[in-house]
């Protein structure tokens, strides 16, 4: 069973932006795509670049180094990345963003 941890307030991540948070030794990226919140790892699987330095494009994160994109919901990668990123379940309680980190 997953334990949800409060990561941030909804107001911390404006629509169509993303921000990273350090939680229990992990860096978690929270992305707000048109009002829907997603949580992923903040590290590109292609070259270990910081994804939070990239951009949001069509419900995906684009890595700033080589343009690989990762689907916010599934973590699925596009070239040049071959491996997906980790995604985490998100739920909202009041004004808090909670993420299940396992």
C-alpha atoms as a PDB file:
ATOM      1  CA  UNK A   1       0.000   0.000   0.000  1.00  0.00           C
ATOM      2  CA  UNK A   2       1.282   3.451  -0.920  1.00  0.00           C
ATOM      3  CA  UNK A   3       1.724   6.202   1.609  1.00  0.00           C
ATOM      4  CA  UNK A   4       0.848   9.653   0.351  1.00  0.00           C
ATOM      5  CA  UNK A   5       3.124  12.487   1.491  1.00  0.00           C
ATOM      6  CA  UNK A   6       2.284  16.195   1.325  1.00  0.00           C
ATOM      7  CA  UNK A   7       4.755  17.720  -1.125  1.00  0.00           C
ATOM      8  CA  UNK A   8       3.471  21.246  -1.778  1.00  0.00           C
ATOM      9  CA  UNK A   9       0.451  23.501  -1.933  1.00  0.00           C
ATOM     10  CA  UNK A  10      -1.532  23.746  -5.162  1.00  0.00           C
ATOM     11  CA  UNK A  11      -0.615  27.442  -5.346  1.00  0.00           C
ATOM     12  CA  UNK A  12       3.107  26.481  -5.458  1.00  0.00           C
ATOM     13  CA  UNK A  13       2.747  25.132  -9.015  1.00  0.00           C
ATOM     14  CA  UNK A  14       0.819  27.466 -11.322  1.00  0.00           C
ATOM     15  CA  UNK A  15      -0.973  26.065 -14.392  1.00  0.00           C
ATOM     16  CA  UNK A  16       1.398  25.108 -17.223  1.00  0.00           C
ATOM     17  CA  UNK A  17       4.476  25.215 -14.984  1.00  0.00           C
ATOM     18  CA  UNK A  18       6.524  22.689 -13.059  1.00  0.00           C
ATOM     19  CA  UNK A  19       8.697  22.743  -9.974  1.00  0.00           C
ATOM     20  CA  UNK A  20      10.970  20.280  -8.200  1.00  0.00           C
ATOM     21  CA  UNK A  21      10.797  19.373  -4.524  1.00  0.00           C
ATOM     22  CA  UNK A  22      13.235  17.380  -2.380  1.00  0.00           C
ATOM     23  CA  UNK A  23      11.344  14.686  -0.488  1.00  0.00           C
ATOM     24  CA  UNK A  24      12.919  11.932   1.607  1.00  0.00           C
ATOM     25  CA  UNK A  25      16.144  11.983  -0.436  1.00  0.00           C
ATOM     26  CA  UNK A  26      14.370  12.075  -3.796  1.00  0.00           C
ATOM     27  CA  UNK A  27      13.830  14.996  -6.148  1.00  0.00           C
ATOM     28  CA  UNK A  28      10.218  14.949  -7.299  1.00  0.00           C
ATOM     29  CA  UNK A  29       8.919  17.095 -10.130  1.00  0.00           C
ATOM     30  CA  UNK A  30       5.353  18.378  -9.841  1.00  0.00           C
ATOM     31  CA  UNK A  31       3.875  19.535 -13.146  1.00  0.00           C
ATOM     32  CA  UNK A  32       0.607  21.378 -13.572  1.00  0.00           C
ATOM     33  CA  UNK A  33      -0.644  20.761 -17.112  1.00  0.00           C
ATOM     34  CA  UNK A  34      -3.780  22.819 -17.676  1.00  0.00           C
ATOM     35  CA  UNK A  35      -4.936  22.301 -14.092  1.00  0.00           C
ATOM     36  CA  UNK A  36      -4.102  18.594 -13.795  1.00  0.00           C
ATOM     37  CA  UNK A  37      -1.217  17.782 -11.452  1.00  0.00           C
ATOM     38  CA  UNK A  38       1.383  15.095 -12.168  1.00  0.00           C
ATOM     39  CA  UNK A  39       4.432  13.849 -10.247  1.00  0.00           C
ATOM     40  CA  UNK A  40       7.543  12.348 -11.853  1.00  0.00           C
ATOM     41  CA  UNK A  41      11.194  11.886 -11.182  1.00  0.00           C
ATOM     42  CA  UNK A  42      13.205  15.030 -12.028  1.00  0.00           C
ATOM     43  CA  UNK A  43      15.986  13.265 -13.915  1.00  0.00           C
ATOM     44  CA  UNK A  44      16.189  12.514 -17.633  1.00  0.00           C
ATOM     45  CA  UNK A  45      16.851   8.830 -18.335  1.00  0.00           C
ATOM     46  CA  UNK A  46      18.876   9.754 -21.431  1.00  0.00           C
ATOM     47  CA  UNK A  47      21.637  11.854 -19.884  1.00  0.00           C
ATOM     48  CA  UNK A  48      20.674  12.591 -16.255  1.00  0.00           C
ATOM     49  CA  UNK A  49      19.647  16.182 -17.038  1.00  0.00           C
ATOM     50  CA  UNK A  50      17.325  18.000 -14.650  1.00  0.00           C
ATOM     51  CA  UNK A  51      13.857  17.870 -16.218  1.00  0.00           C
ATOM     52  CA  UNK A  52      12.529  20.793 -14.173  1.00  0.00           C
ATOM     53  CA  UNK A  53      14.901  22.999 -16.210  1.00  0.00           C
ATOM     54  CA  UNK A  54      13.012  21.942 -19.356  1.00  0.00           C
ATOM     55  CA  UNK A  55       9.606  22.914 -20.700  1.00  0.00           C
ATOM     56  CA  UNK A  56       6.084  21.532 -20.759  1.00  0.00           C
ATOM     57  CA  UNK A  57       4.919  20.624 -24.265  1.00  0.00           C
ATOM     58  CA  UNK A  58       1.637  18.875 -25.126  1.00  0.00           C
ATOM     59  CA  UNK A  59       1.242  17.113 -21.752  1.00  0.00           C
ATOM     60  CA  UNK A  60       4.901  16.123 -21.698  1.00  0.00           C
ATOM     61  CA  UNK A  61       8.177  17.327 -20.202  1.00  0.00           C
ATOM     62  CA  UNK A  62      10.875  18.213 -22.730  1.00  0.00           C
ATOM     63  CA  UNK A  63      14.438  17.762 -21.482  1.00  0.00           C
ATOM     64  CA  UNK A  64      16.527  20.908 -22.012  1.00  0.00           C
ATOM     65  CA  UNK A  65      19.639  18.991 -23.059  1.00  0.00           C
ATOM     66  CA  UNK A  66      18.606  16.925 -26.089  1.00  0.00           C
ATOM     67  CA  UNK A  67      14.861  17.419 -26.488  1.00  0.00           C
ATOM     68  CA  UNK A  68      13.687  14.013 -25.282  1.00  0.00           C
ATOM     69  CA  UNK A  69      10.074  14.192 -24.127  1.00  0.00           C
ATOM     70  CA  UNK A  70       8.374  12.255 -21.346  1.00  0.00           C
ATOM     71  CA  UNK A  71       4.610  11.790 -21.024  1.00  0.00           C
ATOM     72  CA  UNK A  72       3.457  13.261 -17.712  1.00  0.00           C
ATOM     73  CA  UNK A  73       1.004  10.454 -16.974  1.00  0.00           C
ATOM     74  CA  UNK A  74       2.868   7.360 -18.112  1.00  0.00           C
ATOM     75  CA  UNK A  75       6.509   8.505 -18.154  1.00  0.00           C
ATOM     76  CA  UNK A  76       6.835   7.138 -21.708  1.00  0.00           C
ATOM     77  CA  UNK A  77       9.910   8.510 -23.484  1.00  0.00           C
ATOM     78  CA  UNK A  78      10.583   9.738 -27.007  1.00  0.00           C
ATOM     79  CA  UNK A  79      13.974   9.663 -28.720  1.00  0.00           C
ATOM     80  CA  UNK A  80      16.745  10.236 -27.930  1.00  0.00           C
ATOM     81  CA  UNK A  81      15.636   8.808 -24.560  1.00  0.00           C
ATOM     82  CA  UNK A  82      14.721   5.131 -24.615  1.00  0.00           C
ATOM     83  CA  UNK A  83      13.726   4.537 -20.985  1.00  0.00           C
ATOM     84  CA  UNK A  84      10.615   5.967 -19.331  1.00  0.00           C
ATOM     85  CA  UNK A  85      10.805   8.131 -16.241  1.00  0.00           C
ATOM     86  CA  UNK A  86       9.107   7.137 -12.982  1.00  0.00           C
ATOM     87  CA  UNK A  87       5.705   8.589 -12.305  1.00  0.00           C
ATOM     88  CA  UNK A  88       3.925   8.725  -8.969  1.00  0.00           C
ATOM     89  CA  UNK A  89       0.244   8.788  -7.986  1.00  0.00           C
ATOM     90  CA  UNK A  90      -1.037  12.238  -6.990  1.00  0.00           C
ATOM     91  CA  UNK A  91      -4.051  13.241  -4.944  1.00  0.00           C
ATOM     92  CA  UNK A  92      -5.300  16.541  -3.640  1.00  0.00           C
ATOM     93  CA  UNK A  93      -6.525  17.141  -0.080  1.00  0.00           C
ATOM     94  CA  UNK A  94      -7.675  20.690   0.540  1.00  0.00           C
ATOM     95  CA  UNK A  95      -4.894  22.866  -0.841  1.00  0.00           C
ATOM     96  CA  UNK A  96      -2.200  20.185  -0.486  1.00  0.00           C
ATOM     97  CA  UNK A  97      -0.579  18.117  -3.257  1.00  0.00           C
ATOM     98  CA  UNK A  98       0.073  14.601  -1.957  1.00  0.00           C
ATOM     99  CA  UNK A  99       2.305  12.095  -3.755  1.00  0.00           C
ATOM    100  CA  UNK A 100       2.682   8.350  -3.173  1.00  0.00           C
ATOM    101  CA  UNK A 101       6.399   7.555  -3.142  1.00  0.00           C
ATOM    102  CA  UNK A 102       6.005   3.874  -2.064  1.00  0.00           C
END
